[in-house]
């Protein structure tokens, strides 16, 4: 059995730009985040299995953090604009800067 990554609910907003070549750019916020992935809130339509290019903007961080991920689950109701997506980082080990900012997001 694999161990689950500890999810962090950020104390300050983490916004995300979601890039998909077939659908264009959309925006959202991070509901929770971990070394394994993130839960995104957005009004975009993101099919399960879709690969995404993300740009994460952390509070008081001058540069965006690029990341790639794959949609692994979705839930919500488009009529009220509350769509939630689980995104798994690819590659799974992520990048060191992202991991460091995730750790800080839970403590600031």
PDB file of N, CA and C in Angstrom:
ATOM      1  N   UNK A   1       0.843  -1.172   0.000  1.00  0.00           N
ATOM      2  CA  UNK A   1       0.000   0.000   0.000  1.00  0.00           C
ATOM      3  C   UNK A   1       0.887   1.234   0.000  1.00  0.00           C
ATOM      4  N   UNK A   2       0.618   2.191  -0.890  1.00  0.00           N
ATOM      5  CA  UNK A   2       1.432   3.397  -0.946  1.00  0.00           C
ATOM      6  C   UNK A   2       0.934   4.426   0.064  1.00  0.00           C
ATOM      7  N   UNK A   3       1.872   5.223   0.547  1.00  0.00           N
ATOM      8  CA  UNK A   3       1.551   6.240   1.524  1.00  0.00           C
ATOM      9  C   UNK A   3       1.016   7.473   0.815  1.00  0.00           C
ATOM     10  N   UNK A   4      -0.018   8.089   1.376  1.00  0.00           N
ATOM     11  CA  UNK A   4      -0.578   9.299   0.784  1.00  0.00           C
ATOM     12  C   UNK A   4       0.224  10.505   1.232  1.00  0.00           C
ATOM     13  N   UNK A   5       0.353  11.464   0.349  1.00  0.00           N
ATOM     14  CA  UNK A   5       1.046  12.705   0.695  1.00  0.00           C
ATOM     15  C   UNK A   5       0.163  13.520   1.634  1.00  0.00           C
ATOM     16  N   UNK A   6       0.792  14.258   2.524  1.00  0.00           N
ATOM     17  CA  UNK A   6       0.056  15.111   3.456  1.00  0.00           C
ATOM     18  C   UNK A   6      -0.467  16.324   2.700  1.00  0.00           C
ATOM     19  N   UNK A   7      -1.772  16.511   2.742  1.00  0.00           N
ATOM     20  CA  UNK A   7      -2.394  17.648   2.062  1.00  0.00           C
ATOM     21  C   UNK A   7      -2.326  18.880   2.952  1.00  0.00           C
ATOM     22  N   UNK A   8      -2.021  20.001   2.341  1.00  0.00           N
ATOM     23  CA  UNK A   8      -1.937  21.269   3.049  1.00  0.00           C
ATOM     24  C   UNK A   8      -3.007  22.195   2.497  1.00  0.00           C
ATOM     25  N   UNK A   9      -3.794  22.775   3.401  1.00  0.00           N
ATOM     26  CA  UNK A   9      -4.737  23.822   3.012  1.00  0.00           C
ATOM     27  C   UNK A   9      -3.975  25.131   3.193  1.00  0.00           C
ATOM     28  N   UNK A  10      -3.700  25.851   2.107  1.00  0.00           N
ATOM     29  CA  UNK A  10      -2.864  27.042   2.212  1.00  0.00           C
ATOM     30  C   UNK A  10      -3.504  28.127   3.085  1.00  0.00           C
ATOM     31  N   UNK A  11      -2.655  28.789   3.888  1.00  0.00           N
ATOM     32  CA  UNK A  11      -3.129  29.899   4.715  1.00  0.00           C
ATOM     33  C   UNK A  11      -3.356  31.152   3.866  1.00  0.00           C
ATOM     34  N   UNK A  12      -2.617  31.277   2.781  1.00  0.00           N
ATOM     35  CA  UNK A  12      -2.762  32.379   1.826  1.00  0.00           C
ATOM     36  C   UNK A  12      -3.117  31.769   0.470  1.00  0.00           C
ATOM     37  N   UNK A  13      -3.847  32.527  -0.327  1.00  0.00           N
ATOM     38  CA  UNK A  13      -4.312  32.006  -1.621  1.00  0.00           C
ATOM     39  C   UNK A  13      -3.147  31.607  -2.528  1.00  0.00           C
ATOM     40  N   UNK A  14      -3.327  30.480  -3.193  1.00  0.00           N
ATOM     41  CA  UNK A  14      -2.444  30.059  -4.283  1.00  0.00           C
ATOM     42  C   UNK A  14      -3.326  30.047  -5.526  1.00  0.00           C
ATOM     43  N   UNK A  15      -3.007  30.907  -6.478  1.00  0.00           N
ATOM     44  CA  UNK A  15      -3.788  30.936  -7.711  1.00  0.00           C
ATOM     45  C   UNK A  15      -3.070  30.096  -8.765  1.00  0.00           C
ATOM     46  N   UNK A  16      -3.837  29.692  -9.766  1.00  0.00           N
ATOM     47  CA  UNK A  16      -3.263  28.826 -10.792  1.00  0.00           C
ATOM     48  C   UNK A  16      -3.788  29.225 -12.170  1.00  0.00           C
ATOM     49  N   UNK A  17      -2.860  29.309 -13.125  1.00  0.00           N
ATOM     50  CA  UNK A  17      -3.218  29.450 -14.534  1.00  0.00           C
ATOM     51  C   UNK A  17      -3.095  28.054 -15.131  1.00  0.00           C
ATOM     52  N   UNK A  18      -4.133  27.625 -15.821  1.00  0.00           N
ATOM     53  CA  UNK A  18      -4.210  26.267 -16.361  1.00  0.00           C
ATOM     54  C   UNK A  18      -4.144  26.366 -17.879  1.00  0.00           C
ATOM     55  N   UNK A  19      -3.121  25.776 -18.451  1.00  0.00           N
ATOM     56  CA  UNK A  19      -2.922  25.847 -19.894  1.00  0.00           C
ATOM     57  C   UNK A  19      -3.167  24.485 -20.512  1.00  0.00           C
ATOM     58  N   UNK A  20      -4.017  24.500 -21.531  1.00  0.00           N
ATOM     59  CA  UNK A  20      -4.300  23.283 -22.273  1.00  0.00           C
ATOM     60  C   UNK A  20      -4.339  23.662 -23.743  1.00  0.00           C
ATOM     61  N   UNK A  21      -3.483  23.060 -24.575  1.00  0.00           N
ATOM     62  CA  UNK A  21      -3.419  23.453 -25.984  1.00  0.00           C
ATOM     63  C   UNK A  21      -4.765  23.392 -26.707  1.00  0.00           C
ATOM     64  N   UNK A  22      -5.620  22.453 -26.342  1.00  0.00           N
ATOM     65  CA  UNK A  22      -6.909  22.311 -27.032  1.00  0.00           C
ATOM     66  C   UNK A  22      -7.986  23.222 -26.466  1.00  0.00           C
ATOM     67  N   UNK A  23      -7.825  23.687 -25.236  1.00  0.00           N
ATOM     68  CA  UNK A  23      -8.882  24.458 -24.588  1.00  0.00           C
ATOM     69  C   UNK A  23      -8.479  25.880 -24.231  1.00  0.00           C
ATOM     70  N   UNK A  24      -7.198  26.218 -24.400  1.00  0.00           N
ATOM     71  CA  UNK A  24      -6.742  27.558 -24.057  1.00  0.00           C
ATOM     72  C   UNK A  24      -6.412  27.681 -22.578  1.00  0.00           C
ATOM     73  N   UNK A  25      -6.370  28.919 -22.105  1.00  0.00           N
ATOM     74  CA  UNK A  25      -5.972  29.212 -20.731  1.00  0.00           C
ATOM     75  C   UNK A  25      -7.196  29.472 -19.872  1.00  0.00           C
ATOM     76  N   UNK A  26      -7.158  28.944 -18.669  1.00  0.00           N
ATOM     77  CA  UNK A  26      -8.201  29.221 -17.678  1.00  0.00           C
ATOM     78  C   UNK A  26      -7.511  29.433 -16.338  1.00  0.00           C
ATOM     79  N   UNK A  27      -8.296  29.836 -15.350  1.00  0.00           N
ATOM     80  CA  UNK A  27      -7.723  30.207 -14.061  1.00  0.00           C
ATOM     81  C   UNK A  27      -8.497  29.555 -12.929  1.00  0.00           C
ATOM     82  N   UNK A  28      -7.837  29.430 -11.789  1.00  0.00           N
ATOM     83  CA  UNK A  28      -8.487  28.860 -10.624  1.00  0.00           C
ATOM     84  C   UNK A  28      -7.684  29.132  -9.368  1.00  0.00           C
ATOM     85  N   UNK A  29      -8.100  28.508  -8.285  1.00  0.00           N
ATOM     86  CA  UNK A  29      -7.388  28.595  -7.015  1.00  0.00           C
ATOM     87  C   UNK A  29      -7.156  27.183  -6.488  1.00  0.00           C
ATOM     88  N   UNK A  30      -6.163  27.061  -5.635  1.00  0.00           N
ATOM     89  CA  UNK A  30      -5.810  25.778  -5.040  1.00  0.00           C
ATOM     90  C   UNK A  30      -6.565  25.617  -3.727  1.00  0.00           C
ATOM     91  N   UNK A  31      -7.353  24.549  -3.608  1.00  0.00           N
ATOM     92  CA  UNK A  31      -8.070  24.263  -2.360  1.00  0.00           C
ATOM     93  C   UNK A  31      -7.152  23.569  -1.367  1.00  0.00           C
ATOM     94  N   UNK A  32      -6.359  22.616  -1.855  1.00  0.00           N
ATOM     95  CA  UNK A  32      -5.321  21.982  -1.036  1.00  0.00           C
ATOM     96  C   UNK A  32      -4.238  21.472  -1.969  1.00  0.00           C
ATOM     97  N   UNK A  33      -3.058  21.254  -1.379  1.00  0.00           N
ATOM     98  CA  UNK A  33      -1.896  20.924  -2.201  1.00  0.00           C
ATOM     99  C   UNK A  33      -0.975  20.001  -1.415  1.00  0.00           C
ATOM    100  N   UNK A  34      -0.251  19.170  -2.135  1.00  0.00           N
ATOM    101  CA  UNK A  34       0.717  18.268  -1.502  1.00  0.00           C
ATOM    102  C   UNK A  34       1.833  17.981  -2.501  1.00  0.00           C
ATOM    103  N   UNK A  35       2.797  17.204  -2.052  1.00  0.00           N
ATOM    104  CA  UNK A  35       3.865  16.791  -2.945  1.00  0.00           C
ATOM    105  C   UNK A  35       3.381  15.888  -4.064  1.00  0.00           C
ATOM    106  N   UNK A  36       2.182  15.325  -3.923  1.00  0.00           N
ATOM    107  CA  UNK A  36       1.627  14.434  -4.934  1.00  0.00           C
ATOM    108  C   UNK A  36       0.716  15.100  -5.938  1.00  0.00           C
ATOM    109  N   UNK A  37       0.173  16.280  -5.583  1.00  0.00           N
ATOM    110  CA  UNK A  37      -0.749  16.958  -6.482  1.00  0.00           C
ATOM    111  C   UNK A  37      -1.523  18.041  -5.772  1.00  0.00           C
ATOM    112  N   UNK A  38      -2.650  18.432  -6.361  1.00  0.00           N
ATOM    113  CA  UNK A  38      -3.448  19.519  -5.805  1.00  0.00           C
ATOM    114  C   UNK A  38      -4.916  19.334  -6.149  1.00  0.00           C
ATOM    115  N   UNK A  39      -5.762  19.955  -5.342  1.00  0.00           N
ATOM    116  CA  UNK A  39      -7.185  20.061  -5.641  1.00  0.00           C
ATOM    117  C   UNK A  39      -7.413  21.480  -6.127  1.00  0.00           C
ATOM    118  N   UNK A  40      -7.893  21.624  -7.355  1.00  0.00           N
ATOM    119  CA  UNK A  40      -8.105  22.928  -7.964  1.00  0.00           C
ATOM    120  C   UNK A  40      -9.584  23.254  -8.036  1.00  0.00           C
ATOM    121  N   UNK A  41      -9.916  24.512  -7.779  1.00  0.00           N
ATOM    122  CA  UNK A  41     -11.270  25.031  -7.962  1.00  0.00           C
ATOM    123  C   UNK A  41     -11.237  25.955  -9.169  1.00  0.00           C
ATOM    124  N   UNK A  42     -12.082  25.676 -10.161  1.00  0.00           N
ATOM    125  CA  UNK A  42     -12.097  26.476 -11.374  1.00  0.00           C
ATOM    126  C   UNK A  42     -13.444  26.320 -12.060  1.00  0.00           C
ATOM    127  N   UNK A  43     -13.745  27.234 -12.977  1.00  0.00           N
ATOM    128  CA  UNK A  43     -14.965  27.078 -13.765  1.00  0.00           C
ATOM    129  C   UNK A  43     -14.664  26.427 -15.118  1.00  0.00           C
ATOM    130  N   UNK A  44     -13.415  26.026 -15.336  1.00  0.00           N
ATOM    131  CA  UNK A  44     -13.018  25.377 -16.590  1.00  0.00           C
ATOM    132  C   UNK A  44     -13.507  23.931 -16.626  1.00  0.00           C
ATOM    133  N   UNK A  45     -13.629  23.398 -17.830  1.00  0.00           N
ATOM    134  CA  UNK A  45     -13.955  21.986 -18.018  1.00  0.00           C
ATOM    135  C   UNK A  45     -12.660  21.237 -18.297  1.00  0.00           C
ATOM    136  N   UNK A  46     -12.313  20.319 -17.396  1.00  0.00           N
ATOM    137  CA  UNK A  46     -11.064  19.562 -17.507  1.00  0.00           C
ATOM    138  C   UNK A  46     -11.374  18.073 -17.424  1.00  0.00           C
ATOM    139  N   UNK A  47     -11.382  17.365 -18.537  1.00  0.00           N
ATOM    140  CA  UNK A  47     -11.702  15.939 -18.515  1.00  0.00           C
ATOM    141  C   UNK A  47     -10.670  15.122 -17.741  1.00  0.00           C
ATOM    142  N   UNK A  48     -11.140  14.099 -17.041  1.00  0.00           N
ATOM    143  CA  UNK A  48     -10.248  13.177 -16.339  1.00  0.00           C
ATOM    144  C   UNK A  48      -9.304  12.550 -17.362  1.00  0.00           C
ATOM    145  N   UNK A  49      -8.034  12.480 -17.013  1.00  0.00           N
ATOM    146  CA  UNK A  49      -7.013  11.944 -17.904  1.00  0.00           C
ATOM    147  C   UNK A  49      -6.266  13.006 -18.681  1.00  0.00           C
ATOM    148  N   UNK A  50      -6.799  14.224 -18.716  1.00  0.00           N
ATOM    149  CA  UNK A  50      -6.190  15.317 -19.462  1.00  0.00           C
ATOM    150  C   UNK A  50      -4.878  15.768 -18.817  1.00  0.00           C
ATOM    151  N   UNK A  51      -3.860  16.012 -19.644  1.00  0.00           N
ATOM    152  CA  UNK A  51      -2.587  16.561 -19.171  1.00  0.00           C
ATOM    153  C   UNK A  51      -2.649  18.076 -19.214  1.00  0.00           C
ATOM    154  N   UNK A  52      -2.070  18.714 -18.186  1.00  0.00           N
ATOM    155  CA  UNK A  52      -2.152  20.167 -18.054  1.00  0.00           C
ATOM    156  C   UNK A  52      -0.781  20.770 -17.786  1.00  0.00           C
ATOM    157  N   UNK A  53      -0.592  21.979 -18.273  1.00  0.00           N
ATOM    158  CA  UNK A  53       0.550  22.807 -17.898  1.00  0.00           C
ATOM    159  C   UNK A  53      -0.005  23.851 -16.934  1.00  0.00           C
ATOM    160  N   UNK A  54       0.598  23.957 -15.759  1.00  0.00           N
ATOM    161  CA  UNK A  54       0.101  24.863 -14.728  1.00  0.00           C
ATOM    162  C   UNK A  54       1.157  25.902 -14.386  1.00  0.00           C
ATOM    163  N   UNK A  55       0.677  27.083 -13.973  1.00  0.00           N
ATOM    164  CA  UNK A  55       1.539  28.115 -13.410  1.00  0.00           C
ATOM    165  C   UNK A  55       0.932  28.491 -12.074  1.00  0.00           C
ATOM    166  N   UNK A  56       1.618  28.130 -10.991  1.00  0.00           N
ATOM    167  CA  UNK A  56       1.127  28.389  -9.645  1.00  0.00           C
ATOM    168  C   UNK A  56       1.719  29.694  -9.128  1.00  0.00           C
ATOM    169  N   UNK A  57       0.870  30.529  -8.541  1.00  0.00           N
ATOM    170  CA  UNK A  57       1.311  31.798  -7.957  1.00  0.00           C
ATOM    171  C   UNK A  57       1.101  31.743  -6.456  1.00  0.00           C
ATOM    172  N   UNK A  58       2.212  31.663  -5.727  1.00  0.00           N
ATOM    173  CA  UNK A  58       2.177  31.611  -4.271  1.00  0.00           C
ATOM    174  C   UNK A  58       2.247  33.021  -3.695  1.00  0.00           C
ATOM    175  N   UNK A  59       1.632  33.227  -2.546  1.00  0.00           N
ATOM    176  CA  UNK A  59       1.618  34.505  -1.838  1.00  0.00           C
ATOM    177  C   UNK A  59       3.048  34.998  -1.604  1.00  0.00           C
ATOM    178  N   UNK A  60       3.291  36.250  -1.992  1.00  0.00           N
ATOM    179  CA  UNK A  60       4.581  36.922  -1.819  1.00  0.00           C
ATOM    180  C   UNK A  60       5.745  36.213  -2.500  1.00  0.00           C
ATOM    181  N   UNK A  61       5.456  35.480  -3.515  1.00  0.00           N
ATOM    182  CA  UNK A  61       6.502  34.817  -4.302  1.00  0.00           C
ATOM    183  C   UNK A  61       6.545  35.531  -5.650  1.00  0.00           C
ATOM    184  N   UNK A  62       7.681  36.166  -6.003  1.00  0.00           N
ATOM    185  CA  UNK A  62       7.711  37.019  -7.196  1.00  0.00           C
ATOM    186  C   UNK A  62       7.562  36.282  -8.531  1.00  0.00           C
ATOM    187  N   UNK A  63       7.918  35.010  -8.583  1.00  0.00           N
ATOM    188  CA  UNK A  63       7.841  34.282  -9.848  1.00  0.00           C
ATOM    189  C   UNK A  63       6.843  33.140  -9.750  1.00  0.00           C
ATOM    190  N   UNK A  64       6.141  32.910 -10.858  1.00  0.00           N
ATOM    191  CA  UNK A  64       5.227  31.767 -10.894  1.00  0.00           C
ATOM    192  C   UNK A  64       6.043  30.476 -10.884  1.00  0.00           C
ATOM    193  N   UNK A  65       5.401  29.409 -10.444  1.00  0.00           N
ATOM    194  CA  UNK A  65       6.046  28.098 -10.393  1.00  0.00           C
ATOM    195  C   UNK A  65       5.390  27.215 -11.451  1.00  0.00           C
ATOM    196  N   UNK A  66       6.128  26.827 -12.485  1.00  0.00           N
ATOM    197  CA  UNK A  66       5.546  25.941 -13.490  1.00  0.00           C
ATOM    198  C   UNK A  66       5.440  24.519 -12.953  1.00  0.00           C
ATOM    199  N   UNK A  67       4.397  23.836 -13.363  1.00  0.00           N
ATOM    200  CA  UNK A  67       4.201  22.435 -12.981  1.00  0.00           C
ATOM    201  C   UNK A  67       3.392  21.755 -14.077  1.00  0.00           C
ATOM    202  N   UNK A  68       3.532  20.455 -14.174  1.00  0.00           N
ATOM    203  CA  UNK A  68       2.702  19.677 -15.087  1.00  0.00           C
ATOM    204  C   UNK A  68       1.925  18.663 -14.265  1.00  0.00           C
ATOM    205  N   UNK A  69       0.736  18.359 -14.741  1.00  0.00           N
ATOM    206  CA  UNK A  69      -0.091  17.413 -14.012  1.00  0.00           C
ATOM    207  C   UNK A  69      -1.119  16.757 -14.910  1.00  0.00           C
ATOM    208  N   UNK A  70      -1.810  15.800 -14.319  1.00  0.00           N
ATOM    209  CA  UNK A  70      -2.856  15.067 -15.033  1.00  0.00           C
ATOM    210  C   UNK A  70      -4.092  15.054 -14.154  1.00  0.00           C
ATOM    211  N   UNK A  71      -5.249  15.322 -14.742  1.00  0.00           N
ATOM    212  CA  UNK A  71      -6.510  15.317 -14.003  1.00  0.00           C
ATOM    213  C   UNK A  71      -6.855  13.873 -13.651  1.00  0.00           C
ATOM    214  N   UNK A  72      -7.034  13.598 -12.349  1.00  0.00           N
ATOM    215  CA  UNK A  72      -7.323  12.229 -11.913  1.00  0.00           C
ATOM    216  C   UNK A  72      -8.738  12.072 -11.359  1.00  0.00           C
ATOM    217  N   UNK A  73      -9.407  13.173 -11.010  1.00  0.00           N
ATOM    218  CA  UNK A  73     -10.812  13.100 -10.589  1.00  0.00           C
ATOM    219  C   UNK A  73     -11.440  14.479 -10.727  1.00  0.00           C
ATOM    220  N   UNK A  74     -12.762  14.508 -10.754  1.00  0.00           N
ATOM    221  CA  UNK A  74     -13.492  15.780 -10.799  1.00  0.00           C
ATOM    222  C   UNK A  74     -14.799  15.637 -10.040  1.00  0.00           C
ATOM    223  N   UNK A  75     -15.290  16.766  -9.541  1.00  0.00           N
ATOM    224  CA  UNK A  75     -16.589  16.789  -8.872  1.00  0.00           C
ATOM    225  C   UNK A  75     -17.107  18.219  -8.891  1.00  0.00           C
ATOM    226  N   UNK A  76     -18.374  18.377  -8.606  1.00  0.00           N
ATOM    227  CA  UNK A  76     -18.955  19.710  -8.532  1.00  0.00           C
ATOM    228  C   UNK A  76     -20.095  19.902  -9.497  1.00  0.00           C
ATOM    229  N   UNK A  77     -20.540  21.130  -9.554  1.00  0.00           N
ATOM    230  CA  UNK A  77     -21.698  21.490 -10.352  1.00  0.00           C
ATOM    231  C   UNK A  77     -21.374  22.732 -11.165  1.00  0.00           C
ATOM    232  N   UNK A  78     -21.280  22.585 -12.483  1.00  0.00           N
ATOM    233  CA  UNK A  78     -20.943  23.710 -13.350  1.00  0.00           C
ATOM    234  C   UNK A  78     -21.968  24.836 -13.244  1.00  0.00           C
ATOM    235  N   UNK A  79     -23.227  24.506 -12.977  1.00  0.00           N
ATOM    236  CA  UNK A  79     -24.273  25.529 -12.908  1.00  0.00           C
ATOM    237  C   UNK A  79     -24.015  26.556 -11.812  1.00  0.00           C
ATOM    238  N   UNK A  80     -23.339  26.149 -10.749  1.00  0.00           N
ATOM    239  CA  UNK A  80     -23.030  27.108  -9.686  1.00  0.00           C
ATOM    240  C   UNK A  80     -21.549  27.484  -9.700  1.00  0.00           C
ATOM    241  N   UNK A  81     -20.824  27.068 -10.732  1.00  0.00           N
ATOM    242  CA  UNK A  81     -19.431  27.437 -10.910  1.00  0.00           C
ATOM    243  C   UNK A  81     -18.486  26.829  -9.903  1.00  0.00           C
ATOM    244  N   UNK A  82     -18.863  25.717  -9.329  1.00  0.00           N
ATOM    245  CA  UNK A  82     -18.045  25.097  -8.288  1.00  0.00           C
ATOM    246  C   UNK A  82     -17.513  23.756  -8.767  1.00  0.00           C
ATOM    247  N   UNK A  83     -16.516  23.788  -9.626  1.00  0.00           N
ATOM    248  CA  UNK A  83     -15.922  22.551 -10.116  1.00  0.00           C
ATOM    249  C   UNK A  83     -14.595  22.317  -9.412  1.00  0.00           C
ATOM    250  N   UNK A  84     -14.398  21.096  -8.937  1.00  0.00           N
ATOM    251  CA  UNK A  84     -13.176  20.714  -8.232  1.00  0.00           C
ATOM    252  C   UNK A  84     -12.497  19.614  -9.038  1.00  0.00           C
ATOM    253  N   UNK A  85     -11.185  19.721  -9.150  1.00  0.00           N
ATOM    254  CA  UNK A  85     -10.412  18.732  -9.891  1.00  0.00           C
ATOM    255  C   UNK A  85      -9.210  18.296  -9.076  1.00  0.00           C
ATOM    256  N   UNK A  86      -8.969  17.007  -9.070  1.00  0.00           N
ATOM    257  CA  UNK A  86      -7.749  16.470  -8.485  1.00  0.00           C
ATOM    258  C   UNK A  86      -6.709  16.348  -9.574  1.00  0.00           C
ATOM    259  N   UNK A  87      -5.566  16.985  -9.360  1.00  0.00           N
ATOM    260  CA  UNK A  87      -4.480  16.957 -10.334  1.00  0.00           C
ATOM    261  C   UNK A  87      -3.268  16.291  -9.692  1.00  0.00           C
ATOM    262  N   UNK A  88      -2.745  15.287 -10.360  1.00  0.00           N
ATOM    263  CA  UNK A  88      -1.550  14.582  -9.891  1.00  0.00           C
ATOM    264  C   UNK A  88      -0.356  15.133 -10.655  1.00  0.00           C
ATOM    265  N   UNK A  89       0.692  15.523  -9.911  1.00  0.00           N
ATOM    266  CA  UNK A  89       1.885  16.051 -10.569  1.00  0.00           C
ATOM    267  C   UNK A  89       2.522  14.993 -11.459  1.00  0.00           C
ATOM    268  N   UNK A  90       3.033  15.426 -12.617  1.00  0.00           N
ATOM    269  CA  UNK A  90       3.807  14.551 -13.494  1.00  0.00           C
ATOM    270  C   UNK A  90       5.070  15.303 -13.887  1.00  0.00           C
ATOM    271  N   UNK A  91       6.238  14.778 -13.672  1.00  0.00           N
ATOM    272  CA  UNK A  91       6.483  13.507 -13.003  1.00  0.00           C
ATOM    273  C   UNK A  91       6.130  13.591 -11.525  1.00  0.00           C
ATOM    274  N   UNK A  92       5.910  12.439 -10.935  1.00  0.00           N
ATOM    275  CA  UNK A  92       5.424  12.369  -9.555  1.00  0.00           C
ATOM    276  C   UNK A  92       6.370  13.009  -8.549  1.00  0.00           C
ATOM    277  N   UNK A  93       7.660  13.053  -8.835  1.00  0.00           N
ATOM    278  CA  UNK A  93       8.596  13.630  -7.870  1.00  0.00           C
ATOM    279  C   UNK A  93       8.583  15.155  -7.872  1.00  0.00           C
ATOM    280  N   UNK A  94       7.897  15.769  -8.838  1.00  0.00           N
ATOM    281  CA  UNK A  94       7.777  17.223  -8.872  1.00  0.00           C
ATOM    282  C   UNK A  94       9.121  17.920  -8.984  1.00  0.00           C
ATOM    283  N   UNK A  95       9.132  19.207  -8.587  1.00  0.00           N
ATOM    284  CA  UNK A  95      10.402  19.923  -8.607  1.00  0.00           C
ATOM    285  C   UNK A  95      10.704  20.473  -7.217  1.00  0.00           C
ATOM    286  N   UNK A  96      11.979  20.657  -6.896  1.00  0.00           N
ATOM    287  CA  UNK A  96      12.365  21.058  -5.540  1.00  0.00           C
ATOM    288  C   UNK A  96      11.761  22.397  -5.105  1.00  0.00           C
ATOM    289  N   UNK A  97      11.698  23.361  -5.996  1.00  0.00           N
ATOM    290  CA  UNK A  97      11.128  24.671  -5.645  1.00  0.00           C
ATOM    291  C   UNK A  97       9.657  24.529  -5.281  1.00  0.00           C
ATOM    292  N   UNK A  98       8.918  23.752  -6.054  1.00  0.00           N
ATOM    293  CA  UNK A  98       7.503  23.532  -5.761  1.00  0.00           C
ATOM    294  C   UNK A  98       7.346  22.860  -4.399  1.00  0.00           C
ATOM    295  N   UNK A  99       8.125  21.829  -4.125  1.00  0.00           N
ATOM    296  CA  UNK A  99       8.036  21.150  -2.828  1.00  0.00           C
ATOM    297  C   UNK A  99       8.309  22.108  -1.671  1.00  0.00           C
ATOM    298  N   UNK A 100       9.312  22.962  -1.825  1.00  0.00           N
ATOM    299  CA  UNK A 100       9.655  23.928  -0.778  1.00  0.00           C
ATOM    300  C   UNK A 100       8.510  24.911  -0.537  1.00  0.00           C
ATOM    301  N   UNK A 101       7.908  25.410  -1.605  1.00  0.00           N
ATOM    302  CA  UNK A 101       6.799  26.362  -1.466  1.00  0.00           C
ATOM    303  C   UNK A 101       5.558  25.697  -0.882  1.00  0.00           C
ATOM    304  N   UNK A 102       5.333  24.436  -1.197  1.00  0.00           N
ATOM    305  CA  UNK A 102       4.200  23.705  -0.613  1.00  0.00           C
ATOM    306  C   UNK A 102       4.386  23.610   0.895  1.00  0.00           C
ATOM    307  N   UNK A 103       5.581  23.277   1.331  1.00  0.00           N
ATOM    308  CA  UNK A 103       5.848  23.196   2.770  1.00  0.00           C
ATOM    309  C   UNK A 103       5.623  24.541   3.447  1.00  0.00           C
ATOM    310  N   UNK A 104       6.092  25.614   2.830  1.00  0.00           N
ATOM    311  CA  UNK A 104       5.908  26.961   3.392  1.00  0.00           C
ATOM    312  C   UNK A 104       4.451  27.379   3.420  1.00  0.00           C
ATOM    313  N   UNK A 105       3.665  26.940   2.432  1.00  0.00           N
ATOM    314  CA  UNK A 105       2.258  27.355   2.331  1.00  0.00           C
ATOM    315  C   UNK A 105       1.457  26.936   3.549  1.00  0.00           C
ATOM    316  N   UNK A 106       1.838  25.874   4.192  1.00  0.00           N
ATOM    317  CA  UNK A 106       1.115  25.402   5.367  1.00  0.00           C
ATOM    318  C   UNK A 106       1.551  26.049   6.659  1.00  0.00           C
ATOM    319  N   UNK A 107       2.624  26.841   6.611  1.00  0.00           N
ATOM    320  CA  UNK A 107       3.148  27.426   7.845  1.00  0.00           C
ATOM    321  C   UNK A 107       3.067  28.937   7.892  1.00  0.00           C
ATOM    322  N   UNK A 108       2.812  29.599   6.766  1.00  0.00           N
ATOM    323  CA  UNK A 108       2.783  31.067   6.778  1.00  0.00           C
ATOM    324  C   UNK A 108       1.397  31.596   6.975  1.00  0.00           C
TER     325      UNK A 108
END
